[in-house]
């Protein structure tokens, strides 16, 4: 999350955070379950000394947990609760990211609607990416018909 990275970077540049976070920012960027026991303890010690960073990390982890565990029936209420928590307690960079969650709320929650069916737009996105690559490679084609044919033939799967 971009807002969390801004919080982490700001503490990494402050005089009280710089010696603590020197070479240890990865402890806050990795998922909680991906940290070894030693790294988790080290992250906790740093978090005790930098409580704002610790709060931001906990909010980031709560969002990850929401994404991994929510269902179609609980997703909306849990997202709203998380947004309210960030709005009330979160550091300024995290609060600035809330507009994206509010603006894209419907689209974010649509993921949970289609989760049981395992629908994905990955196939279409792949086709769009391939089309854009062909267009970039075809820059300077004099005949748009030939470019169109190349796109159509290049996207046959």
C-alpha atoms as a PDB file:
ATOM      1  CA  UNK A   1       0.000   0.000   0.000  1.00  0.00           C
ATOM      2  CA  UNK A   2       1.447   3.309  -1.097  1.00  0.00           C
ATOM      3  CA  UNK A   3       0.355   5.184   2.044  1.00  0.00           C
ATOM      4  CA  UNK A   4       2.091   2.688   4.307  1.00  0.00           C
ATOM      5  CA  UNK A   5       5.324   2.943   2.322  1.00  0.00           C
ATOM      6  CA  UNK A   6       5.223   6.725   2.752  1.00  0.00           C
ATOM      7  CA  UNK A   7       4.867   6.318   6.527  1.00  0.00           C
ATOM      8  CA  UNK A   8       7.779   3.875   6.584  1.00  0.00           C
ATOM      9  CA  UNK A   9       9.999   6.087   4.437  1.00  0.00           C
ATOM     10  CA  UNK A  10       9.245   9.156   6.526  1.00  0.00           C
ATOM     11  CA  UNK A  11      10.327   7.334   9.695  1.00  0.00           C
ATOM     12  CA  UNK A  12      13.408   5.970   7.934  1.00  0.00           C
ATOM     13  CA  UNK A  13      14.515   9.568   7.291  1.00  0.00           C
ATOM     14  CA  UNK A  14      13.791  10.954  10.763  1.00  0.00           C
ATOM     15  CA  UNK A  15      16.621  11.079  13.269  1.00  0.00           C
ATOM     16  CA  UNK A  16      14.811   8.822  15.767  1.00  0.00           C
ATOM     17  CA  UNK A  17      13.864   6.252  13.125  1.00  0.00           C
ATOM     18  CA  UNK A  18      16.940   6.189  10.920  1.00  0.00           C
ATOM     19  CA  UNK A  19      19.187   4.101  13.227  1.00  0.00           C
ATOM     20  CA  UNK A  20      16.346   1.696  14.015  1.00  0.00           C
ATOM     21  CA  UNK A  21      15.259   1.133  10.416  1.00  0.00           C
ATOM     22  CA  UNK A  22      18.699   1.100   8.758  1.00  0.00           C
ATOM     23  CA  UNK A  23      18.611  -2.057   6.627  1.00  0.00           C
ATOM     24  CA  UNK A  24      15.458  -3.276   8.396  1.00  0.00           C
ATOM     25  CA  UNK A  25      12.604  -1.725   6.437  1.00  0.00           C
ATOM     26  CA  UNK A  26      11.863  -5.162   4.978  1.00  0.00           C
ATOM     27  CA  UNK A  27      10.592  -6.197   8.415  1.00  0.00           C
ATOM     28  CA  UNK A  28       7.634  -3.877   7.898  1.00  0.00           C
ATOM     29  CA  UNK A  29       7.128  -4.521   4.190  1.00  0.00           C
ATOM     30  CA  UNK A  30       6.832  -8.289   4.418  1.00  0.00           C
ATOM     31  CA  UNK A  31       3.661 -10.039   5.432  1.00  0.00           C
ATOM     32  CA  UNK A  32       3.465 -11.039   9.081  1.00  0.00           C
ATOM     33  CA  UNK A  33       3.360 -14.740   8.250  1.00  0.00           C
ATOM     34  CA  UNK A  34       6.482 -14.443   6.089  1.00  0.00           C
ATOM     35  CA  UNK A  35       8.634 -13.178   8.964  1.00  0.00           C
ATOM     36  CA  UNK A  36      10.760 -15.607  10.914  1.00  0.00           C
ATOM     37  CA  UNK A  37      10.353 -15.661  14.684  1.00  0.00           C
ATOM     38  CA  UNK A  38      13.546 -13.629  15.121  1.00  0.00           C
ATOM     39  CA  UNK A  39      12.481 -11.060  12.520  1.00  0.00           C
ATOM     40  CA  UNK A  40       9.021 -10.805  14.071  1.00  0.00           C
ATOM     41  CA  UNK A  41      10.556 -10.074  17.485  1.00  0.00           C
ATOM     42  CA  UNK A  42      12.895  -7.508  15.958  1.00  0.00           C
ATOM     43  CA  UNK A  43       9.965  -5.815  14.181  1.00  0.00           C
ATOM     44  CA  UNK A  44       8.013  -5.741  17.440  1.00  0.00           C
ATOM     45  CA  UNK A  45      10.921  -4.075  19.282  1.00  0.00           C
ATOM     46  CA  UNK A  46      11.236  -1.414  16.602  1.00  0.00           C
ATOM     47  CA  UNK A  47       7.451  -0.931  16.650  1.00  0.00           C
ATOM     48  CA  UNK A  48       7.499  -0.333  20.408  1.00  0.00           C
ATOM     49  CA  UNK A  49       9.959   2.516  19.886  1.00  0.00           C
ATOM     50  CA  UNK A  50       8.075   3.942  16.883  1.00  0.00           C
ATOM     51  CA  UNK A  51       4.374   3.603  17.817  1.00  0.00           C
ATOM     52  CA  UNK A  52       3.042   5.518  14.786  1.00  0.00           C
ATOM     53  CA  UNK A  53       4.867   3.147  12.449  1.00  0.00           C
ATOM     54  CA  UNK A  54       3.577   0.180  14.466  1.00  0.00           C
ATOM     55  CA  UNK A  55      -0.004   1.433  14.135  1.00  0.00           C
ATOM     56  CA  UNK A  56       0.413   1.914  10.383  1.00  0.00           C
ATOM     57  CA  UNK A  57       1.831  -1.605  10.083  1.00  0.00           C
ATOM     58  CA  UNK A  58      -1.090  -3.072  12.036  1.00  0.00           C
ATOM     59  CA  UNK A  59      -3.566  -1.262   9.788  1.00  0.00           C
ATOM     60  CA  UNK A  60      -1.766  -2.605   6.721  1.00  0.00           C
ATOM     61  CA  UNK A  61      -1.915  -6.134   8.110  1.00  0.00           C
ATOM     62  CA  UNK A  62      -5.607  -5.726   8.959  1.00  0.00           C
ATOM     63  CA  UNK A  63      -6.286  -4.806   5.332  1.00  0.00           C
ATOM     64  CA  UNK A  64      -4.391  -7.889   4.160  1.00  0.00           C
ATOM     65  CA  UNK A  65      -6.366 -10.052   6.570  1.00  0.00           C
ATOM     66  CA  UNK A  66      -9.631  -8.490   5.385  1.00  0.00           C
ATOM     67  CA  UNK A  67      -8.745  -9.269   1.787  1.00  0.00           C
ATOM     68  CA  UNK A  68      -7.811 -12.878   2.588  1.00  0.00           C
ATOM     69  CA  UNK A  69     -10.668 -13.783   4.915  1.00  0.00           C
ATOM     70  CA  UNK A  70     -13.725 -11.757   3.920  1.00  0.00           C
ATOM     71  CA  UNK A  71     -16.701 -13.242   2.162  1.00  0.00           C
ATOM     72  CA  UNK A  72     -19.381 -11.623   0.055  1.00  0.00           C
ATOM     73  CA  UNK A  73     -21.567 -11.132   3.123  1.00  0.00           C
ATOM     74  CA  UNK A  74     -18.873  -9.673   5.396  1.00  0.00           C
ATOM     75  CA  UNK A  75     -16.655  -7.773   2.944  1.00  0.00           C
ATOM     76  CA  UNK A  76     -18.583  -4.479   2.859  1.00  0.00           C
ATOM     77  CA  UNK A  77     -19.015  -4.097   6.609  1.00  0.00           C
ATOM     78  CA  UNK A  78     -15.415  -5.110   7.331  1.00  0.00           C
ATOM     79  CA  UNK A  79     -14.087  -2.703   4.707  1.00  0.00           C
ATOM     80  CA  UNK A  80     -16.183   0.123   6.144  1.00  0.00           C
ATOM     81  CA  UNK A  81     -14.900  -0.676   9.655  1.00  0.00           C
ATOM     82  CA  UNK A  82     -11.293  -0.638   8.405  1.00  0.00           C
ATOM     83  CA  UNK A  83     -11.823   2.679   6.588  1.00  0.00           C
ATOM     84  CA  UNK A  84     -13.321   4.205   9.746  1.00  0.00           C
ATOM     85  CA  UNK A  85     -10.403   2.928  11.828  1.00  0.00           C
ATOM     86  CA  UNK A  86      -7.842   4.433   9.440  1.00  0.00           C
ATOM     87  CA  UNK A  87      -9.810   7.681   9.305  1.00  0.00           C
ATOM     88  CA  UNK A  88      -9.883   7.898  13.109  1.00  0.00           C
ATOM     89  CA  UNK A  89      -6.478   6.568  14.143  1.00  0.00           C
ATOM     90  CA  UNK A  90      -4.314   6.286  11.028  1.00  0.00           C
ATOM     91  CA  UNK A  91      -1.341   8.484  10.135  1.00  0.00           C
ATOM     92  CA  UNK A  92      -1.869  11.182   7.517  1.00  0.00           C
ATOM     93  CA  UNK A  93      -0.378   9.284   4.516  1.00  0.00           C
ATOM     94  CA  UNK A  94      -2.716   6.360   5.189  1.00  0.00           C
ATOM     95  CA  UNK A  95      -5.706   8.665   5.506  1.00  0.00           C
ATOM     96  CA  UNK A  96      -4.871  10.160   2.108  1.00  0.00           C
ATOM     97  CA  UNK A  97      -5.186   6.707   0.514  1.00  0.00           C
ATOM     98  CA  UNK A  98      -8.747   6.335   1.794  1.00  0.00           C
ATOM     99  CA  UNK A  99     -10.142   8.289  -1.138  1.00  0.00           C
ATOM    100  CA  UNK A 100      -9.144   5.427  -3.446  1.00  0.00           C
ATOM    101  CA  UNK A 101     -10.986   2.933  -1.249  1.00  0.00           C
ATOM    102  CA  UNK A 102     -14.055   5.160  -1.163  1.00  0.00           C
ATOM    103  CA  UNK A 103     -13.995   5.951  -4.895  1.00  0.00           C
ATOM    104  CA  UNK A 104     -13.420   2.330  -5.942  1.00  0.00           C
ATOM    105  CA  UNK A 105     -15.496   0.700  -3.203  1.00  0.00           C
ATOM    106  CA  UNK A 106     -17.964  -0.919  -5.595  1.00  0.00           C
ATOM    107  CA  UNK A 107     -15.190  -2.365  -7.775  1.00  0.00           C
ATOM    108  CA  UNK A 108     -13.207  -3.608  -4.756  1.00  0.00           C
ATOM    109  CA  UNK A 109     -16.260  -5.360  -3.344  1.00  0.00           C
ATOM    110  CA  UNK A 110     -17.066  -6.874  -6.761  1.00  0.00           C
ATOM    111  CA  UNK A 111     -14.025  -9.108  -6.258  1.00  0.00           C
ATOM    112  CA  UNK A 112     -15.836 -10.878  -3.439  1.00  0.00           C
ATOM    113  CA  UNK A 113     -18.991 -11.250  -5.509  1.00  0.00           C
ATOM    114  CA  UNK A 114     -17.116 -13.210  -8.183  1.00  0.00           C
ATOM    115  CA  UNK A 115     -14.711 -15.005  -5.824  1.00  0.00           C
ATOM    116  CA  UNK A 116     -16.856 -18.149  -5.394  1.00  0.00           C
ATOM    117  CA  UNK A 117     -17.068 -18.548  -9.171  1.00  0.00           C
ATOM    118  CA  UNK A 118     -13.317 -17.964  -9.578  1.00  0.00           C
ATOM    119  CA  UNK A 119     -13.917 -15.551 -12.444  1.00  0.00           C
ATOM    120  CA  UNK A 120     -11.024 -13.424 -13.543  1.00  0.00           C
ATOM    121  CA  UNK A 121     -10.400 -10.880 -16.244  1.00  0.00           C
ATOM    122  CA  UNK A 122      -6.780 -12.059 -16.569  1.00  0.00           C
ATOM    123  CA  UNK A 123      -7.368 -13.528 -20.024  1.00  0.00           C
ATOM    124  CA  UNK A 124      -8.778 -10.255 -21.379  1.00  0.00           C
ATOM    125  CA  UNK A 125      -6.006  -8.245 -19.706  1.00  0.00           C
ATOM    126  CA  UNK A 126      -3.434 -10.519 -21.379  1.00  0.00           C
ATOM    127  CA  UNK A 127      -5.023  -9.899 -24.765  1.00  0.00           C
ATOM    128  CA  UNK A 128      -5.018  -6.140 -24.166  1.00  0.00           C
ATOM    129  CA  UNK A 129      -1.352  -6.250 -23.164  1.00  0.00           C
ATOM    130  CA  UNK A 130      -0.437  -8.246 -26.284  1.00  0.00           C
ATOM    131  CA  UNK A 131      -2.386  -5.812 -28.493  1.00  0.00           C
ATOM    132  CA  UNK A 132      -0.548  -2.844 -26.990  1.00  0.00           C
ATOM    133  CA  UNK A 133       2.798  -4.569 -27.565  1.00  0.00           C
ATOM    134  CA  UNK A 134       1.941  -5.209 -31.225  1.00  0.00           C
ATOM    135  CA  UNK A 135       0.871  -1.580 -31.646  1.00  0.00           C
ATOM    136  CA  UNK A 136       4.175  -0.406 -30.148  1.00  0.00           C
ATOM    137  CA  UNK A 137       6.116  -2.739 -32.436  1.00  0.00           C
ATOM    138  CA  UNK A 138       4.030  -1.639 -35.423  1.00  0.00           C
ATOM    139  CA  UNK A 139       4.729   2.057 -34.968  1.00  0.00           C
ATOM    140  CA  UNK A 140       5.128   3.497 -38.442  1.00  0.00           C
ATOM    141  CA  UNK A 141       2.893   1.071 -40.303  1.00  0.00           C
ATOM    142  CA  UNK A 142       1.647   2.837 -43.387  1.00  0.00           C
ATOM    143  CA  UNK A 143      -1.352   0.614 -43.771  1.00  0.00           C
ATOM    144  CA  UNK A 144      -3.728   0.375 -40.809  1.00  0.00           C
ATOM    145  CA  UNK A 145      -5.305  -2.706 -42.379  1.00  0.00           C
ATOM    146  CA  UNK A 146      -2.026  -4.634 -42.003  1.00  0.00           C
ATOM    147  CA  UNK A 147      -1.671  -3.480 -38.391  1.00  0.00           C
ATOM    148  CA  UNK A 148      -5.236  -4.636 -37.701  1.00  0.00           C
ATOM    149  CA  UNK A 149      -4.501  -8.053 -39.249  1.00  0.00           C
ATOM    150  CA  UNK A 150      -1.356  -8.396 -37.180  1.00  0.00           C
ATOM    151  CA  UNK A 151      -3.280  -7.596 -33.998  1.00  0.00           C
ATOM    152  CA  UNK A 152      -6.022 -10.076 -34.849  1.00  0.00           C
ATOM    153  CA  UNK A 153      -3.548 -12.840 -35.784  1.00  0.00           C
ATOM    154  CA  UNK A 154      -1.238 -12.055 -32.864  1.00  0.00           C
ATOM    155  CA  UNK A 155      -4.075 -12.460 -30.356  1.00  0.00           C
ATOM    156  CA  UNK A 156      -5.154 -15.906 -31.512  1.00  0.00           C
ATOM    157  CA  UNK A 157      -4.674 -18.290 -28.627  1.00  0.00           C
END
